[in-house]
């Protein structure tokens, strides 16, 4: 089986997400023979839930802490990849990917009570890629990409920051970094061929 990962996440995925053994509470609904789910859980009350319905879709999750939750839904004809690494307590990560081309999603959470929501729906021949990194407590990141060949890197460092971004259409690029506490004032929407690099700090 050969899998190609988009450039935005290739380095992160190859180093951080080697296949691991399932150690705790996992539910998986894989309806195709080549779908793969790999999970490592350390701690109490962690849960990882997967639904994959087509082609060579793969998900890899690491949870180290207590009461962390991961939900991954992948469908369509694309060979989607989802990777989640949670270190801390009460973090929530949700990934939904669909479409005919390969989408790649990487979520990394370090700290407590962070929430990352990522939805990618590919509508063309080229998949999209996204990476969300949260370091701190109580951060919220919500990213929606609907189109083709969109790329996003969202980074939150600090506490109680909020970011919401939507990319519609094709060939959008977003790199957004928040460093500080309580940064909540900005929402970004891009519609086709746009590029933005944003840094917020206090």
Protein backbone atom coordinates (compact mmCIF):
# COMPACT_ATOMS: atom_id res chain seq x y z
CA UNK A 1 0.00 0.00 0.00
CA UNK A 2 1.43 3.41 -1.00
CA UNK A 3 0.32 6.63 0.64
CA UNK A 4 1.38 10.14 -0.38
CA UNK A 5 1.06 12.94 2.18
CA UNK A 6 0.66 16.59 1.17
CA UNK A 7 3.65 18.85 1.64
CA UNK A 8 2.14 20.88 4.47
CA UNK A 9 2.04 17.90 6.81
CA UNK A 10 4.56 15.42 5.41
CA UNK A 11 7.39 16.25 7.79
CA UNK A 12 5.13 16.38 10.84
CA UNK A 13 3.40 13.14 10.01
CA UNK A 14 6.50 11.12 9.22
CA UNK A 15 8.23 12.03 12.49
CA UNK A 16 5.38 12.23 14.97
CA UNK A 17 2.95 9.50 14.01
CA UNK A 18 4.47 6.06 13.74
CA UNK A 19 1.94 3.17 14.02
CA UNK A 20 1.26 2.25 17.63
CA UNK A 21 -0.71 -0.30 19.60
CA UNK A 22 -4.19 0.38 20.93
CA UNK A 23 -3.97 0.40 24.74
CA UNK A 24 -7.36 1.65 25.98
CA UNK A 25 -10.85 2.74 24.96
CA UNK A 26 -11.22 2.83 21.18
CA UNK A 27 -14.21 2.49 18.90
CA UNK A 28 -13.71 2.08 15.16
CA UNK A 29 -16.02 1.62 12.22
CA UNK A 30 -13.88 0.74 9.20
CA UNK A 31 -15.83 -0.62 6.25
CA UNK A 32 -12.95 -1.11 3.81
CA UNK A 33 -10.17 -3.69 4.18
CA UNK A 34 -7.20 -1.32 3.83
CA UNK A 35 -8.28 1.37 6.28
CA UNK A 36 -5.94 1.70 9.27
CA UNK A 37 -6.44 2.95 12.84
CA UNK A 38 -3.48 3.17 15.22
CA UNK A 39 -3.91 4.37 18.82
CA UNK A 40 -1.80 4.78 21.94
CA UNK A 41 -3.52 5.87 25.16
CA UNK A 42 -1.88 6.56 28.53
CA UNK A 43 -4.02 7.72 31.44
CA UNK A 44 -7.65 7.42 32.48
CA UNK A 45 -10.89 8.26 30.72
CA UNK A 46 -9.42 8.86 27.28
CA UNK A 47 -11.54 8.00 24.24
CA UNK A 48 -10.84 7.75 20.52
CA UNK A 49 -13.66 7.21 18.04
CA UNK A 50 -13.24 6.57 14.33
CA UNK A 51 -15.50 6.22 11.31
CA UNK A 52 -13.83 5.51 7.96
CA UNK A 53 -15.78 4.35 4.96
CA UNK A 54 -13.72 4.32 1.79
CA UNK A 55 -10.34 3.59 0.23
CA UNK A 56 -7.02 3.62 2.12
CA UNK A 57 -7.93 6.07 4.86
CA UNK A 58 -5.72 6.17 7.94
CA UNK A 59 -5.85 7.68 11.41
CA UNK A 60 -3.20 7.73 14.14
CA UNK A 61 -3.78 9.00 17.69
CA UNK A 62 -1.69 9.44 20.81
CA UNK A 63 -3.29 10.46 24.11
CA UNK A 64 -1.24 11.02 27.29
CA UNK A 65 -3.29 12.32 30.20
CA UNK A 66 -6.85 11.99 31.43
CA UNK A 67 -10.29 12.53 29.89
CA UNK A 68 -9.10 13.46 26.41
CA UNK A 69 -11.42 12.87 23.44
CA UNK A 70 -10.74 12.33 19.73
CA UNK A 71 -13.39 11.91 17.04
CA UNK A 72 -12.32 11.22 13.44
CA UNK A 73 -14.71 10.84 10.51
CA UNK A 74 -13.31 10.19 7.04
CA UNK A 75 -15.24 9.30 3.90
CA UNK A 76 -15.22 9.80 0.17
CA UNK A 77 -12.76 8.33 -2.32
CA UNK A 78 -9.66 10.17 -1.08
CA UNK A 79 -6.86 8.45 0.82
CA UNK A 80 -7.26 10.76 3.81
CA UNK A 81 -4.89 10.88 6.78
CA UNK A 82 -5.64 12.20 10.28
CA UNK A 83 -3.08 12.45 13.06
CA UNK A 84 -3.77 13.63 16.62
CA UNK A 85 -1.37 14.01 19.56
CA UNK A 86 -2.87 15.05 22.92
CA UNK A 87 -0.77 15.64 26.05
CA UNK A 88 -2.66 16.90 29.07
CA UNK A 89 -6.21 16.61 30.33
CA UNK A 90 -9.72 17.20 28.98
CA UNK A 91 -8.66 18.13 25.47
CA UNK A 92 -11.07 17.66 22.55
CA UNK A 93 -10.09 17.06 18.93
CA UNK A 94 -12.57 16.53 16.10
CA UNK A 95 -11.59 15.89 12.47
CA UNK A 96 -13.97 15.44 9.55
CA UNK A 97 -12.58 14.82 6.06
CA UNK A 98 -14.33 13.96 2.81
CA UNK A 99 -13.85 14.17 -0.93
CA UNK A 100 -12.19 12.40 -3.82
CA UNK A 101 -8.62 13.68 -3.33
CA UNK A 102 -6.39 13.11 -0.32
CA UNK A 103 -6.79 15.44 2.64
CA UNK A 104 -4.29 15.54 5.51
CA UNK A 105 -4.99 16.82 9.04
CA UNK A 106 -2.55 17.06 11.95
CA UNK A 107 -3.73 18.23 15.40
CA UNK A 108 -1.36 18.65 18.35
CA UNK A 109 -2.62 19.67 21.79
CA UNK A 110 -0.41 20.25 24.83
CA UNK A 111 -2.09 21.48 28.00
CA UNK A 112 -5.60 21.22 29.40
CA UNK A 113 -9.13 21.87 28.10
CA UNK A 114 -8.13 22.80 24.56
CA UNK A 115 -10.57 22.25 21.69
CA UNK A 116 -9.64 21.84 18.02
CA UNK A 117 -12.30 21.40 15.33
CA UNK A 118 -11.20 20.73 11.75
CA UNK A 119 -13.36 20.03 8.71
CA UNK A 120 -12.00 19.51 5.19
CA UNK A 121 -14.22 18.77 2.20
CA UNK A 122 -12.33 18.41 -1.05
CA UNK A 123 -14.28 19.28 -4.18
CA UNK A 124 -11.54 18.97 -6.81
CA UNK A 125 -8.61 16.84 -7.93
CA UNK A 126 -6.12 18.13 -5.34
CA UNK A 127 -6.56 17.57 -1.63
CA UNK A 128 -6.10 20.04 1.20
CA UNK A 129 -3.83 20.02 4.23
CA UNK A 130 -4.10 21.53 7.70
CA UNK A 131 -2.09 21.58 10.91
CA UNK A 132 -3.41 22.95 14.22
CA UNK A 133 -1.08 23.23 17.23
CA UNK A 134 -2.33 24.30 20.66
CA UNK A 135 -0.02 24.85 23.63
CA UNK A 136 -1.62 26.12 26.81
CA UNK A 137 -5.05 25.86 28.39
CA UNK A 138 -8.59 26.61 27.28
CA UNK A 139 -7.80 27.43 23.67
CA UNK A 140 -10.33 27.00 20.85
CA UNK A 141 -9.48 26.60 17.16
CA UNK A 142 -12.13 26.03 14.49
CA UNK A 143 -11.04 25.55 10.86
CA UNK A 144 -13.23 24.79 7.85
CA UNK A 145 -11.78 24.18 4.39
CA UNK A 146 -14.17 23.52 1.52
CA UNK A 147 -12.61 23.37 -1.92
CA UNK A 148 -9.38 22.12 -3.45
CA UNK A 149 -5.67 22.60 -2.67
CA UNK A 150 -6.23 24.69 0.45
CA UNK A 151 -3.55 24.80 3.15
CA UNK A 152 -3.64 26.11 6.70
CA UNK A 153 -1.30 26.21 9.69
CA UNK A 154 -2.92 27.48 12.92
CA UNK A 155 -0.87 27.85 16.11
CA UNK A 156 -2.04 28.90 19.57
CA UNK A 157 0.37 29.44 22.48
CA UNK A 158 -1.07 30.73 25.73
CA UNK A 159 -4.43 30.46 27.43
CA UNK A 160 -8.06 31.09 26.45
CA UNK A 161 -7.38 32.12 22.87
CA UNK A 162 -9.98 31.67 20.12
CA UNK A 163 -9.51 31.44 16.36
CA UNK A 164 -12.08 30.73 13.66
CA UNK A 165 -11.06 30.40 10.02
CA UNK A 166 -12.93 29.42 6.87
CA UNK A 167 -11.38 28.82 3.46
CA UNK A 168 -13.75 28.34 0.52
CA UNK A 169 -12.81 27.67 -3.08
CA UNK A 170 -9.37 26.64 -4.28
CA UNK A 171 -5.71 27.43 -3.60
CA UNK A 172 -6.10 29.37 -0.36
CA UNK A 173 -3.21 29.57 2.10
CA UNK A 174 -3.43 30.66 5.73
CA UNK A 175 -0.81 30.81 8.47
CA UNK A 176 -2.18 32.22 11.73
CA UNK A 177 -0.31 32.40 15.04
CA UNK A 178 -1.62 33.55 18.42
CA UNK A 179 0.80 34.14 21.31
CA UNK A 180 -0.77 35.42 24.50
CA UNK A 181 -3.91 35.20 26.58
CA UNK A 182 -7.53 35.88 25.73
CA UNK A 183 -7.03 36.69 22.05
CA UNK A 184 -10.53 36.42 20.54
CA UNK A 185 -11.17 39.38 18.25
CA UNK A 186 -10.44 38.01 14.78
CA UNK A 187 -12.25 35.71 12.36
CA UNK A 188 -10.79 34.98 8.92
CA UNK A 189 -12.71 34.03 5.77
CA UNK A 190 -10.93 33.45 2.45
CA UNK A 191 -12.62 32.62 -0.84
CA UNK A 192 -10.39 31.40 -3.63
CA UNK A 193 -6.71 32.04 -4.36
CA UNK A 194 -6.13 34.07 -1.20
CA UNK A 195 -3.07 34.06 1.05
CA UNK A 196 -2.75 35.41 4.58
CA UNK A 197 -0.11 35.35 7.31
CA UNK A 198 -1.41 36.70 10.63
CA UNK A 199 0.34 37.00 14.01
CA UNK A 200 -1.44 38.12 17.19
CA UNK A 201 0.30 38.68 20.52
CA UNK A 202 -0.13 40.53 23.80
